[in-house]
Protein backbone atom coordinates (compact mmCIF):
# COMPACT_ATOMS: atom_id res chain seq x y z
CA MET A 1 45.95 -10.52 -21.40
CA LEU A 2 42.00 -9.27 -22.14
CA LEU A 3 41.09 -12.49 -23.67
CA ALA A 4 42.21 -14.61 -20.85
CA ALA A 5 40.01 -12.61 -18.51
CA CYS A 6 36.86 -13.03 -20.33
CA ALA A 7 38.10 -17.00 -20.97
CA GLY A 8 37.28 -17.68 -17.10
CA VAL A 9 34.88 -20.45 -16.13
CA PRO A 10 31.20 -19.43 -16.89
CA VAL A 11 29.52 -18.63 -13.28
CA GLU A 12 26.22 -21.04 -12.45
CA PRO A 13 22.94 -19.20 -12.03
CA PRO A 14 21.92 -19.37 -8.38
CA ARG A 15 19.87 -21.81 -6.93
CA ILE A 16 16.54 -21.41 -6.22
CA GLU A 17 15.62 -22.46 -2.92
CA ARG A 18 12.02 -24.09 -2.30
CA LEU A 19 9.95 -24.40 0.51
CA SER A 20 9.13 -28.12 2.46
CA ALA A 21 5.60 -28.91 3.60
CA GLU A 22 6.85 -28.54 6.92
CA GLN A 23 8.34 -24.89 6.11
CA LEU A 24 5.12 -24.22 4.53
CA GLU A 25 3.08 -25.26 7.27
CA ALA A 26 5.15 -23.23 10.03
CA ARG A 27 4.74 -19.97 7.84
CA VAL A 28 1.13 -20.33 7.45
CA PRO A 29 -0.72 -18.72 10.86
CA THR A 30 -2.99 -21.04 12.53
CA PRO A 31 -6.44 -20.07 12.02
CA ALA A 32 -8.67 -18.12 14.63
CA ALA A 33 -12.36 -19.39 14.90
CA ALA A 34 -14.46 -16.82 16.67
CA LEU A 35 -17.42 -18.84 15.45
CA PRO A 36 -16.90 -22.28 16.92
CA LEU A 37 -17.48 -25.20 14.77
CA GLU A 38 -20.11 -27.03 16.98
CA GLN A 39 -22.19 -23.11 17.17
CA VAL A 40 -22.17 -23.98 12.83
CA VAL A 41 -23.37 -27.21 13.53
CA ALA A 42 -26.34 -25.82 15.79
CA LEU A 43 -27.21 -23.10 13.44
CA SER A 44 -27.56 -25.94 10.79
CA LYS A 45 -29.63 -28.13 13.12
CA GLN A 46 -32.06 -24.86 13.81
CA GLY A 47 -32.53 -24.63 9.88
CA VAL A 48 -30.53 -21.24 9.83
CA ALA A 49 -30.34 -20.85 5.90
CA ALA A 50 -26.79 -21.30 4.54
CA ALA A 51 -26.30 -17.67 3.17
CA GLU A 52 -27.35 -16.49 6.94
CA ILE A 53 -24.45 -18.89 8.53
CA VAL A 54 -21.81 -17.56 5.94
CA GLU A 55 -22.54 -14.24 6.89
CA ARG A 56 -22.05 -14.66 10.21
CA ILE A 57 -18.47 -16.78 9.68
CA LYS A 58 -17.93 -13.75 7.82
CA SER A 59 -18.86 -11.25 9.75
CA SER A 60 -16.73 -12.75 13.03
CA ALA A 61 -13.72 -13.10 10.80
CA SER A 62 -13.82 -16.99 11.57
CA ARG A 63 -10.79 -19.09 10.30
CA TYR A 64 -10.91 -22.65 9.68
CA ARG A 65 -7.98 -25.42 8.44
CA LEU A 66 -10.36 -28.18 7.78
CA SER A 67 -9.23 -31.87 7.09
CA ALA A 68 -11.26 -33.89 4.57
CA THR A 69 -12.34 -35.93 7.49
CA GLN A 70 -13.60 -33.02 9.28
CA LEU A 71 -15.55 -31.75 6.26
CA VAL A 72 -17.22 -35.29 5.48
CA GLU A 73 -18.39 -35.11 9.54
CA LEU A 74 -19.51 -31.56 9.28
CA ALA A 75 -21.91 -32.82 6.02
CA ARG A 76 -23.03 -35.84 7.82
CA GLU A 77 -24.08 -33.31 10.98
CA GLY A 78 -25.92 -31.34 8.39
CA VAL A 79 -24.31 -28.15 7.43
CA ALA A 80 -24.71 -27.03 3.71
CA LEU A 81 -22.64 -27.26 1.39
CA ALA A 82 -22.72 -24.16 0.29
CA VAL A 83 -21.12 -23.63 3.89
CA LEU A 84 -18.80 -26.22 3.56
CA ASP A 85 -17.64 -24.82 0.20
CA HIS A 86 -17.31 -20.86 1.90
CA LEU A 87 -15.18 -22.64 4.89
CA VAL A 88 -12.89 -23.87 2.53
CA ALA A 89 -12.71 -20.96 0.10
CA ALA A 90 -12.19 -18.63 2.83
CA GLU A 91 -9.14 -20.18 3.68
CA ARG A 92 -7.61 -21.12 0.62
CA GLN A 93 -8.04 -17.56 -0.16
CA ARG A 94 -6.42 -16.52 3.02
CA ILE A 95 -3.32 -18.70 2.58
CA PHE A 96 -2.93 -17.36 -1.23
CA GLU A 97 -2.88 -13.77 0.04
CA GLU A 98 -0.57 -14.55 2.65
CA LEU A 99 1.85 -16.12 -0.03
CA ALA A 100 1.46 -13.95 -2.47
CA ALA A 101 2.31 -11.21 -0.06
CA ASP A 102 5.31 -12.58 1.07
CA ALA A 103 6.47 -13.45 -2.44
CA ASN A 104 5.74 -9.73 -2.67
CA GLN A 105 7.88 -8.71 -0.09
CA ARG A 106 10.67 -11.12 -1.13
CA ASP A 107 10.64 -9.54 -4.60
CA GLN A 108 10.92 -5.76 -3.16
CA ALA A 109 13.56 -6.48 -1.00
CA CYS A 110 15.38 -8.17 -4.41
CA ARG A 111 14.48 -4.92 -6.41
CA GLU A 112 15.92 -2.89 -3.75
CA ARG A 113 19.25 -4.70 -3.46
CA ILE A 114 19.40 -4.65 -7.44
CA ALA A 115 18.84 -0.89 -7.45
CA GLN A 116 21.65 -0.78 -4.73
CA GLU A 117 24.18 -2.71 -6.92
CA VAL A 118 23.57 -0.75 -9.71
CA GLN A 119 24.06 2.20 -7.71
CA ALA A 120 27.02 1.19 -6.26
CA CYS A 121 28.51 0.22 -9.94
CA ARG A 122 27.46 3.91 -11.08
CA SER A 123 29.35 5.96 -8.14
CA GLN A 124 32.42 3.92 -9.67
CA TYR A 125 34.80 5.85 -11.97
CA MET A 126 36.71 4.43 -14.98
CA GLY A 127 40.05 5.44 -15.90
CA PRO A 128 40.70 8.45 -18.15
CA LEU A 129 39.95 7.72 -21.55
CA LEU A 130 41.20 10.36 -24.13
CA VAL A 131 40.22 13.39 -22.35
CA PRO A 132 41.67 13.47 -18.73
CA GLY A 133 39.52 13.45 -15.72
CA PRO A 134 37.06 10.62 -13.89
CA TYR A 135 34.51 9.07 -15.91
CA PRO A 136 31.08 7.66 -13.84
CA MET A 137 30.39 3.98 -15.39
CA PHE A 138 27.10 4.52 -16.70
CA ASN A 139 26.58 1.40 -18.35
CA CYS A 140 26.30 -0.96 -15.41
CA PHE A 141 24.16 -3.89 -15.15
CA PRO A 142 25.53 -6.33 -12.51
CA LEU A 143 21.95 -8.75 -13.32
CA GLY A 144 23.85 -11.42 -15.46
CA PRO A 145 23.61 -14.74 -14.74
CA GLY A 146 26.53 -14.33 -11.85
CA SER A 147 24.24 -11.98 -9.75
CA PRO A 148 22.08 -13.64 -7.08
CA TYR A 149 19.49 -11.27 -7.87
CA TRP A 150 19.48 -11.48 -12.08
CA ARG A 151 16.31 -13.23 -11.71
CA CYS A 152 14.15 -10.68 -10.22
CA MET A 153 14.39 -8.70 -13.50
């Protein structure tokens, strides 16, 4: 009977669900520009240094998600390449930080769920061994491939 219990069908590891491009776009918040692009172009045409324009963008906490066409158009209108590089790099950095925060939040929830599973397992008791009385199950690791939380470890 003991061998029959061990000879069961192996449990399939859980599938990792990936985000589609549409789901990712829906999760990433829309950028907010306190300093409009028209004003960035106007500052460039006035001859303001690229470093000062970048500082104004940073101080206004403006966010831009620009397409390649928009970047080319801004370059044609005289916006310095250093400013364009900053616009792209800052938005990319914000997106990565938001996605990392989301992944960290999901990992933390997974770790908490693992701790709950282990605690629930350890709160169960085995039957009597040689000495009568309940014995707590101290070797509980419900984190094998059958557990949906095993990949968190």
